[in-house]
C-alpha atoms as a PDB file:
ATOM      1  CA  UNK A   1      14.167  53.322 -25.343  1.00  0.00           C
ATOM      2  CA  UNK A   2      13.915  53.453 -21.551  1.00  0.00           C
ATOM      3  CA  UNK A   3      10.137  53.305 -21.860  1.00  0.00           C
ATOM      4  CA  UNK A   4      10.360  50.158 -23.981  1.00  0.00           C
ATOM      5  CA  UNK A   5      12.667  48.513 -21.450  1.00  0.00           C
ATOM      6  CA  UNK A   6      10.200  49.284 -18.683  1.00  0.00           C
ATOM      7  CA  UNK A   7       7.356  47.754 -20.697  1.00  0.00           C
ATOM      8  CA  UNK A   8       9.392  44.618 -21.419  1.00  0.00           C
ATOM      9  CA  UNK A   9      10.331  44.332 -17.753  1.00  0.00           C
ATOM     10  CA  UNK A  10       6.700  44.701 -16.744  1.00  0.00           C
ATOM     11  CA  UNK A  11       5.655  41.964 -19.189  1.00  0.00           C
ATOM     12  CA  UNK A  12       8.296  39.621 -17.769  1.00  0.00           C
ATOM     13  CA  UNK A  13       6.971  40.248 -14.280  1.00  0.00           C
ATOM     14  CA  UNK A  14       3.371  39.780 -15.343  1.00  0.00           C
ATOM     15  CA  UNK A  15       3.948  36.678 -17.484  1.00  0.00           C
ATOM     16  CA  UNK A  16       3.817  34.178 -14.602  1.00  0.00           C
ATOM     17  CA  UNK A  17       0.537  35.615 -13.366  1.00  0.00           C
ATOM     18  CA  UNK A  18      -0.945  35.648 -16.854  1.00  0.00           C
ATOM     19  CA  UNK A  19       0.160  32.123 -17.692  1.00  0.00           C
ATOM     20  CA  UNK A  20      -0.532  30.555 -14.305  1.00  0.00           C
ATOM     21  CA  UNK A  21       3.068  29.319 -14.015  1.00  0.00           C
ATOM     22  CA  UNK A  22       6.362  30.461 -12.531  1.00  0.00           C
ATOM     23  CA  UNK A  23       9.878  29.308 -13.510  1.00  0.00           C
ATOM     24  CA  UNK A  24      11.272  26.759 -11.051  1.00  0.00           C
ATOM     25  CA  UNK A  25      14.387  24.656 -10.543  1.00  0.00           C
ATOM     26  CA  UNK A  26      14.874  21.739  -8.179  1.00  0.00           C
ATOM     27  CA  UNK A  27      17.004  18.677  -7.593  1.00  0.00           C
ATOM     28  CA  UNK A  28      15.369  15.262  -7.431  1.00  0.00           C
ATOM     29  CA  UNK A  29      16.074  11.566  -7.967  1.00  0.00           C
ATOM     30  CA  UNK A  30      15.067  10.549 -11.478  1.00  0.00           C
ATOM     31  CA  UNK A  31      14.046   6.951 -12.192  1.00  0.00           C
ATOM     32  CA  UNK A  32      14.319   5.415 -15.653  1.00  0.00           C
ATOM     33  CA  UNK A  33      13.160   2.128 -17.173  1.00  0.00           C
ATOM     34  CA  UNK A  34      12.951   0.697 -20.673  1.00  0.00           C
ATOM     35  CA  UNK A  35       9.795   1.691 -22.589  1.00  0.00           C
ATOM     36  CA  UNK A  36       8.658   3.893 -19.705  1.00  0.00           C
ATOM     37  CA  UNK A  37       6.295   6.820 -19.818  1.00  0.00           C
ATOM     38  CA  UNK A  38       7.241   9.634 -17.450  1.00  0.00           C
ATOM     39  CA  UNK A  39       4.882  11.817 -15.444  1.00  0.00           C
ATOM     40  CA  UNK A  40       5.492  15.122 -13.698  1.00  0.00           C
ATOM     41  CA  UNK A  41       4.898  16.092 -10.102  1.00  0.00           C
ATOM     42  CA  UNK A  42       1.851  18.328 -10.617  1.00  0.00           C
ATOM     43  CA  UNK A  43      -1.409  18.700 -12.525  1.00  0.00           C
ATOM     44  CA  UNK A  44      -2.173  14.995 -12.930  1.00  0.00           C
ATOM     45  CA  UNK A  45       1.348  14.279 -14.118  1.00  0.00           C
ATOM     46  CA  UNK A  46       1.469  16.914 -16.852  1.00  0.00           C
ATOM     47  CA  UNK A  47       3.877  19.382 -15.193  1.00  0.00           C
ATOM     48  CA  UNK A  48       6.833  19.490 -12.793  1.00  0.00           C
ATOM     49  CA  UNK A  49       9.789  17.167 -12.386  1.00  0.00           C
ATOM     50  CA  UNK A  50       9.408  13.901 -14.305  1.00  0.00           C
ATOM     51  CA  UNK A  51       9.634  11.858 -11.114  1.00  0.00           C
ATOM     52  CA  UNK A  52       7.288   9.011 -11.929  1.00  0.00           C
ATOM     53  CA  UNK A  53       8.079   6.189 -14.379  1.00  0.00           C
ATOM     54  CA  UNK A  54       5.293   3.907 -15.640  1.00  0.00           C
ATOM     55  CA  UNK A  55       6.179   1.017 -17.931  1.00  0.00           C
ATOM     56  CA  UNK A  56       4.836  -2.303 -19.258  1.00  0.00           C
ATOM     57  CA  UNK A  57       6.207  -5.559 -17.895  1.00  0.00           C
ATOM     58  CA  UNK A  58       4.802  -8.583 -19.697  1.00  0.00           C
ATOM     59  CA  UNK A  59       1.015  -8.330 -19.128  1.00  0.00           C
ATOM     60  CA  UNK A  60       1.132  -5.845 -16.218  1.00  0.00           C
ATOM     61  CA  UNK A  61       2.507  -2.354 -15.598  1.00  0.00           C
ATOM     62  CA  UNK A  62       5.107  -1.184 -13.075  1.00  0.00           C
ATOM     63  CA  UNK A  63       5.466   2.307 -11.628  1.00  0.00           C
ATOM     64  CA  UNK A  64       8.409   3.714  -9.690  1.00  0.00           C
ATOM     65  CA  UNK A  65       9.104   6.954  -7.861  1.00  0.00           C
ATOM     66  CA  UNK A  66      11.739   8.110  -5.387  1.00  0.00           C
ATOM     67  CA  UNK A  67       9.761  10.457  -3.144  1.00  0.00           C
ATOM     68  CA  UNK A  68      12.037  13.023  -1.478  1.00  0.00           C
ATOM     69  CA  UNK A  69       9.110  14.568   0.415  1.00  0.00           C
ATOM     70  CA  UNK A  70       8.136  11.354   2.193  1.00  0.00           C
ATOM     71  CA  UNK A  71      11.650   9.802   2.219  1.00  0.00           C
ATOM     72  CA  UNK A  72      10.598   6.591   0.511  1.00  0.00           C
ATOM     73  CA  UNK A  73      10.743   4.619  -2.703  1.00  0.00           C
ATOM     74  CA  UNK A  74       7.340   3.894  -4.214  1.00  0.00           C
ATOM     75  CA  UNK A  75       6.794   0.822  -6.359  1.00  0.00           C
ATOM     76  CA  UNK A  76       3.432   0.127  -7.993  1.00  0.00           C
ATOM     77  CA  UNK A  77       2.213  -3.154  -9.445  1.00  0.00           C
ATOM     78  CA  UNK A  78      -0.665  -2.352 -11.823  1.00  0.00           C
ATOM     79  CA  UNK A  79      -2.686  -5.421 -12.785  1.00  0.00           C
ATOM     80  CA  UNK A  80      -5.354  -5.171 -15.528  1.00  0.00           C
ATOM     81  CA  UNK A  81      -8.547  -7.200 -15.664  1.00  0.00           C
ATOM     82  CA  UNK A  82      -8.001 -10.843 -16.634  1.00  0.00           C
ATOM     83  CA  UNK A  83      -4.387 -10.934 -15.358  1.00  0.00           C
ATOM     84  CA  UNK A  84      -2.883 -12.269 -12.129  1.00  0.00           C
ATOM     85  CA  UNK A  85       0.493 -11.400 -10.605  1.00  0.00           C
ATOM     86  CA  UNK A  86       2.482 -12.343  -7.513  1.00  0.00           C
ATOM     87  CA  UNK A  87       5.705 -11.103  -5.945  1.00  0.00           C
ATOM     88  CA  UNK A  88       7.950 -14.061  -5.145  1.00  0.00           C
ATOM     89  CA  UNK A  89       9.977 -12.167  -2.520  1.00  0.00           C
ATOM     90  CA  UNK A  90       9.159  -9.369  -0.065  1.00  0.00           C
ATOM     91  CA  UNK A  91      12.281  -7.303  -0.682  1.00  0.00           C
ATOM     92  CA  UNK A  92      13.916  -5.275  -3.421  1.00  0.00           C
ATOM     93  CA  UNK A  93      17.633  -4.694  -3.940  1.00  0.00           C
ATOM     94  CA  UNK A  94      19.209  -1.249  -4.098  1.00  0.00           C
ATOM     95  CA  UNK A  95      22.516  -1.517  -5.957  1.00  0.00           C
ATOM     96  CA  UNK A  96      24.736   1.620  -6.110  1.00  0.00           C
ATOM     97  CA  UNK A  97      26.612   2.318  -9.330  1.00  0.00           C
ATOM     98  CA  UNK A  98      29.816   2.594  -7.287  1.00  0.00           C
ATOM     99  CA  UNK A  99      30.902  -1.044  -6.921  1.00  0.00           C
ATOM    100  CA  UNK A 100      32.763  -0.164  -3.721  1.00  0.00           C
ATOM    101  CA  UNK A 101      29.447   0.486  -1.986  1.00  0.00           C
ATOM    102  CA  UNK A 102      27.441  -2.546  -0.837  1.00  0.00           C
ATOM    103  CA  UNK A 103      24.033  -3.440  -2.227  1.00  0.00           C
ATOM    104  CA  UNK A 104      21.092  -3.231   0.179  1.00  0.00           C
ATOM    105  CA  UNK A 105      18.129  -5.597   0.457  1.00  0.00           C
ATOM    106  CA  UNK A 106      15.132  -3.573   1.672  1.00  0.00           C
ATOM    107  CA  UNK A 107      11.632  -4.751   2.683  1.00  0.00           C
ATOM    108  CA  UNK A 108       8.610  -3.826   0.589  1.00  0.00           C
ATOM    109  CA  UNK A 109       5.690  -2.525   2.664  1.00  0.00           C
ATOM    110  CA  UNK A 110       2.090  -2.504   1.356  1.00  0.00           C
ATOM    111  CA  UNK A 111       0.627   1.001   1.282  1.00  0.00           C
ATOM    112  CA  UNK A 112      -2.647   2.637   0.318  1.00  0.00           C
ATOM    113  CA  UNK A 113      -2.543   4.950  -2.669  1.00  0.00           C
ATOM    114  CA  UNK A 114      -4.846   7.271  -0.685  1.00  0.00           C
ATOM    115  CA  UNK A 115      -1.748   8.132   1.386  1.00  0.00           C
ATOM    116  CA  UNK A 116       0.144   8.906  -1.811  1.00  0.00           C
ATOM    117  CA  UNK A 117       0.030  12.670  -1.362  1.00  0.00           C
ATOM    118  CA  UNK A 118       3.288  13.702  -3.056  1.00  0.00           C
ATOM    119  CA  UNK A 119       1.608  14.969  -6.196  1.00  0.00           C
ATOM    120  CA  UNK A 120      -1.614  14.986  -8.213  1.00  0.00           C
ATOM    121  CA  UNK A 121      -1.956  11.545  -9.740  1.00  0.00           C
ATOM    122  CA  UNK A 122      -2.239  10.932 -13.511  1.00  0.00           C
ATOM    123  CA  UNK A 123      -5.434   9.318 -14.786  1.00  0.00           C
ATOM    124  CA  UNK A 124      -3.708   5.923 -15.060  1.00  0.00           C
ATOM    125  CA  UNK A 125      -3.472   5.896 -11.255  1.00  0.00           C
ATOM    126  CA  UNK A 126      -7.140   6.644 -10.518  1.00  0.00           C
ATOM    127  CA  UNK A 127      -7.720   2.946 -10.008  1.00  0.00           C
ATOM    128  CA  UNK A 128      -9.166   0.358  -7.648  1.00  0.00           C
ATOM    129  CA  UNK A 129      -7.441   0.537  -4.237  1.00  0.00           C
ATOM    130  CA  UNK A 130      -7.011  -2.976  -2.748  1.00  0.00           C
ATOM    131  CA  UNK A 131      -5.244  -1.766   0.433  1.00  0.00           C
ATOM    132  CA  UNK A 132      -6.352  -3.575   3.611  1.00  0.00           C
ATOM    133  CA  UNK A 133      -8.656  -5.827   1.590  1.00  0.00           C
ATOM    134  CA  UNK A 134      -6.169  -8.147  -0.093  1.00  0.00           C
ATOM    135  CA  UNK A 135      -2.883  -9.906   0.654  1.00  0.00           C
ATOM    136  CA  UNK A 136      -0.309  -7.876  -1.284  1.00  0.00           C
ATOM    137  CA  UNK A 137       2.070 -10.849  -1.252  1.00  0.00           C
ATOM    138  CA  UNK A 138      -0.520 -13.372  -2.409  1.00  0.00           C
ATOM    139  CA  UNK A 139      -1.966 -13.741  -5.889  1.00  0.00           C
ATOM    140  CA  UNK A 140      -2.934 -10.279  -7.140  1.00  0.00           C
ATOM    141  CA  UNK A 141      -6.107 -10.435  -9.211  1.00  0.00           C
ATOM    142  CA  UNK A 142      -6.431  -7.677 -11.785  1.00  0.00           C
ATOM    143  CA  UNK A 143      -9.234  -5.238 -12.461  1.00  0.00           C
ATOM    144  CA  UNK A 144      -9.638  -2.300 -14.819  1.00  0.00           C
ATOM    145  CA  UNK A 145     -11.608   0.846 -14.050  1.00  0.00           C
ATOM    146  CA  UNK A 146     -13.000   3.096 -16.765  1.00  0.00           C
ATOM    147  CA  UNK A 147     -14.395   6.516 -16.014  1.00  0.00           C
ATOM    148  CA  UNK A 148     -15.058   9.907 -17.499  1.00  0.00           C
ATOM    149  CA  UNK A 149     -12.953  12.721 -16.017  1.00  0.00           C
ATOM    150  CA  UNK A 150     -14.773  15.909 -15.155  1.00  0.00           C
ATOM    151  CA  UNK A 151     -14.058  19.189 -16.920  1.00  0.00           C
ATOM    152  CA  UNK A 152     -12.375  17.484 -19.882  1.00  0.00           C
ATOM    153  CA  UNK A 153     -12.882  18.691 -23.443  1.00  0.00           C
ATOM    154  CA  UNK A 154     -10.624  15.976 -24.819  1.00  0.00           C
ATOM    155  CA  UNK A 155     -12.175  13.534 -27.309  1.00  0.00           C
ATOM    156  CA  UNK A 156     -10.490  10.755 -25.308  1.00  0.00           C
ATOM    157  CA  UNK A 157     -13.072  10.790 -22.537  1.00  0.00           C
ATOM    158  CA  UNK A 158     -12.799   7.225 -21.314  1.00  0.00           C
ATOM    159  CA  UNK A 159      -9.705   6.729 -19.164  1.00  0.00           C
ATOM    160  CA  UNK A 160      -8.319   3.423 -17.928  1.00  0.00           C
ATOM    161  CA  UNK A 161      -6.808   2.522 -14.579  1.00  0.00           C
ATOM    162  CA  UNK A 162      -5.525  -0.984 -13.771  1.00  0.00           C
ATOM    163  CA  UNK A 163      -5.794  -2.138 -10.160  1.00  0.00           C
ATOM    164  CA  UNK A 164      -2.872  -0.573  -8.299  1.00  0.00           C
ATOM    165  CA  UNK A 165      -0.954  -2.466  -5.606  1.00  0.00           C
ATOM    166  CA  UNK A 166       1.353   0.121  -4.069  1.00  0.00           C
ATOM    167  CA  UNK A 167       4.468  -0.697  -2.029  1.00  0.00           C
ATOM    168  CA  UNK A 168       6.805   1.658  -0.190  1.00  0.00           C
ATOM    169  CA  UNK A 169      10.405   1.360   0.993  1.00  0.00           C
ATOM    170  CA  UNK A 170      11.384   3.953   3.660  1.00  0.00           C
ATOM    171  CA  UNK A 171      14.840   5.385   2.992  1.00  0.00           C
ATOM    172  CA  UNK A 172      16.822   8.588   3.490  1.00  0.00           C
ATOM    173  CA  UNK A 173      16.599   9.913  -0.059  1.00  0.00           C
ATOM    174  CA  UNK A 174      19.383  12.459   0.537  1.00  0.00           C
ATOM    175  CA  UNK A 175      21.879   9.598   0.874  1.00  0.00           C
ATOM    176  CA  UNK A 176      20.964   7.960  -2.405  1.00  0.00           C
ATOM    177  CA  UNK A 177      23.685   7.897  -5.028  1.00  0.00           C
ATOM    178  CA  UNK A 178      23.223   6.790  -8.628  1.00  0.00           C
ATOM    179  CA  UNK A 179      22.415   3.114  -9.137  1.00  0.00           C
ATOM    180  CA  UNK A 180      19.673   0.612  -9.894  1.00  0.00           C
ATOM    181  CA  UNK A 181      16.617  -0.808  -8.136  1.00  0.00           C
ATOM    182  CA  UNK A 182      16.189  -4.541  -8.718  1.00  0.00           C
ATOM    183  CA  UNK A 183      12.614  -5.708  -8.167  1.00  0.00           C
ATOM    184  CA  UNK A 184      11.958  -9.257  -6.930  1.00  0.00           C
ATOM    185  CA  UNK A 185      10.936 -12.129  -9.236  1.00  0.00           C
ATOM    186  CA  UNK A 186       7.249 -12.164 -10.160  1.00  0.00           C
ATOM    187  CA  UNK A 187       4.709 -14.642 -11.396  1.00  0.00           C
ATOM    188  CA  UNK A 188       2.404 -13.271 -14.081  1.00  0.00           C
ATOM    189  CA  UNK A 189      -0.470 -15.522 -15.087  1.00  0.00           C
ATOM    190  CA  UNK A 190       1.357 -18.352 -13.338  1.00  0.00           C
ATOM    191  CA  UNK A 191       4.673 -17.914 -15.205  1.00  0.00           C
ATOM    192  CA  UNK A 192       7.685 -16.721 -13.204  1.00  0.00           C
ATOM    193  CA  UNK A 193       9.859 -13.881 -14.529  1.00  0.00           C
ATOM    194  CA  UNK A 194      12.990 -12.173 -13.239  1.00  0.00           C
ATOM    195  CA  UNK A 195      11.994  -8.796 -11.804  1.00  0.00           C
ATOM    196  CA  UNK A 196      12.702  -5.647 -13.833  1.00  0.00           C
ATOM    197  CA  UNK A 197      15.592  -3.283 -13.143  1.00  0.00           C
ATOM    198  CA  UNK A 198      14.957   0.437 -12.658  1.00  0.00           C
ATOM    199  CA  UNK A 199      17.780   2.960 -12.941  1.00  0.00           C
ATOM    200  CA  UNK A 200      17.973   6.007 -10.671  1.00  0.00           C
ATOM    201  CA  UNK A 201      20.209   9.081 -10.575  1.00  0.00           C
ATOM    202  CA  UNK A 202      20.314  12.552  -9.066  1.00  0.00           C
ATOM    203  CA  UNK A 203      19.094  15.166 -11.509  1.00  0.00           C
ATOM    204  CA  UNK A 204      18.324  18.866 -11.873  1.00  0.00           C
ATOM    205  CA  UNK A 205      14.968  19.923 -13.268  1.00  0.00           C
ATOM    206  CA  UNK A 206      14.107  23.383 -14.631  1.00  0.00           C
ATOM    207  CA  UNK A 207      10.446  23.783 -15.501  1.00  0.00           C
ATOM    208  CA  UNK A 208       7.344  25.947 -15.282  1.00  0.00           C
ATOM    209  CA  UNK A 209       5.674  25.418 -11.901  1.00  0.00           C
ATOM    210  CA  UNK A 210       1.881  25.856 -12.135  1.00  0.00           C
ATOM    211  CA  UNK A 211       0.197  28.256  -9.712  1.00  0.00           C
ATOM    212  CA  UNK A 212      -2.953  26.196 -10.084  1.00  0.00           C
ATOM    213  CA  UNK A 213      -4.087  23.431 -12.435  1.00  0.00           C
END
């Protein structure tokens, strides 16, 4: 019996090395939006905390992430080929769930996705980078990139990435309570829409952390 227990204990110790993963727990700020797809923090979005939300908004896509490593909120405007978009204001509103706490209007700052080093990006984000070549607050003209990922045995070889206009909002993430992010109004193909609302809350994640992807 003792011998069996030792074998079981040894297998438990060896399992992470054999599987390439170790059990992990961490606190983070989770963002949620209607009809969103959620990506993890590692291995091209397939593992780790589901920090990144990516969702359709009329004819474009929006992404959102509260990045505790860089102390900033990341908002992405993803514009496919044949579509135009434009932010009608240069700020977003952070509205705490506690009504006793005031809402904050915070400036959006254009950023290059090359500086987006918090995690390995999903294929949807391997897109055209317009940073320093276009006015992020002008008319955003869409583009779509198709490519074949290396080392993939999946039958879905062609991946799509809509042009990604990335904005950041510096903030002390540790002070964030639960609430909503209200994005500014947008014009899409010349028609103005009220900006979407993104919910956020503090969460605990327990998952298998990959040793390597």
